[in-house]
Amino acid sequence: MNAGIVILVAVALAALVLIVAAYLRRRTPDDHVDSFRRQIDALSPQARRPTIGKMNPPEPSPADDDGDDAP
């Protein structure tokens, strides 16, 4: 009975290793290139524009509500 369990665990472990190896082998270098392109696109000025707009509030108008130029 114990030998059967050991064999079953060994077969399951071997199957898991084969599945992981097949998955890693299936990945192509294009996956890395696409990932790099997505990262660069995220750094582009168009992608950063909404964030920069949130960080830099709009400039106040030169005229105050009371018309006085003193701070």
Protein backbone atom coordinates (compact mmCIF):
# COMPACT_ATOMS: atom_id res chain seq x y z
CA MET A 1 0.00 0.00 0.00
CA ASN A 2 2.79 2.44 0.87
CA ALA A 3 4.65 1.65 -2.35
CA GLY A 4 1.50 2.46 -4.34
CA ILE A 5 1.20 5.88 -2.70
CA VAL A 6 4.88 6.63 -3.36
CA ILE A 7 4.48 5.67 -7.03
CA LEU A 8 1.31 7.77 -7.33
CA VAL A 9 3.05 10.81 -5.82
CA ALA A 10 6.06 10.32 -8.12
CA VAL A 11 3.84 10.10 -11.20
CA ALA A 12 1.87 13.21 -10.14
CA LEU A 13 5.10 15.13 -9.54
CA ALA A 14 6.48 14.08 -12.93
CA ALA A 15 3.25 15.16 -14.63
CA LEU A 16 3.42 18.54 -12.89
CA VAL A 17 7.02 19.03 -14.01
CA LEU A 18 6.07 18.18 -17.60
CA ILE A 19 3.15 20.61 -17.57
CA VAL A 20 5.30 23.45 -16.22
CA ALA A 21 8.07 22.67 -18.74
CA ALA A 22 5.58 22.68 -21.62
CA TYR A 23 4.16 26.01 -20.49
CA LEU A 24 7.58 27.61 -20.21
CA ARG A 25 8.68 26.24 -23.56
CA ARG A 26 5.52 27.52 -25.23
CA ARG A 27 6.31 31.11 -24.28
CA THR A 28 7.95 32.98 -27.11
CA PRO A 29 10.37 35.92 -27.07
CA ASP A 30 7.53 38.02 -28.50
CA ASP A 31 5.89 37.86 -25.07
CA HIS A 32 8.84 39.74 -23.64
CA VAL A 33 8.81 42.26 -26.48
CA ASP A 34 5.10 42.90 -26.00
CA SER A 35 5.62 43.36 -22.28
CA PHE A 36 8.42 45.84 -22.94
CA ARG A 37 6.26 47.76 -25.41
CA ARG A 38 3.41 47.99 -22.91
CA GLN A 39 5.81 49.35 -20.29
CA ILE A 40 7.21 51.94 -22.70
CA ASP A 41 3.70 52.94 -23.78
CA ALA A 42 2.80 53.47 -20.13
CA LEU A 43 5.74 55.89 -19.85
CA SER A 44 4.77 57.89 -22.94
CA PRO A 45 3.80 61.56 -22.54
CA GLN A 46 0.22 60.81 -23.61
CA ALA A 47 -0.12 58.21 -20.86
CA ARG A 48 1.37 60.52 -18.24
CA ARG A 49 -0.68 63.58 -19.18
CA PRO A 50 -3.70 62.81 -16.90
CA THR A 51 -1.37 62.15 -13.96
CA ILE A 52 0.61 65.32 -14.54
CA GLY A 53 -2.65 67.26 -14.77
CA LYS A 54 -3.65 65.96 -11.34
CA MET A 55 -0.27 66.83 -9.84
CA ASN A 56 -0.10 70.37 -11.28
CA PRO A 57 -3.27 72.24 -10.37
CA PRO A 58 -4.35 74.95 -12.82
CA GLU A 59 -2.75 78.34 -12.38
CA PRO A 60 -4.93 80.85 -10.52
CA SER A 61 -6.29 83.69 -12.59
CA PRO A 62 -4.29 86.93 -12.32
CA ALA A 63 -7.27 88.89 -11.03
CA ASP A 64 -8.51 88.13 -7.51
CA ASP A 65 -12.15 88.22 -6.58
CA ASP A 66 -11.82 91.59 -4.82
CA GLY A 67 -9.76 93.21 -7.59
CA ASP A 68 -6.79 93.88 -5.28
CA ASP A 69 -3.41 92.75 -6.62
CA ALA A 70 -1.86 92.48 -3.14
CA PRO A 71 -1.38 88.96 -1.78
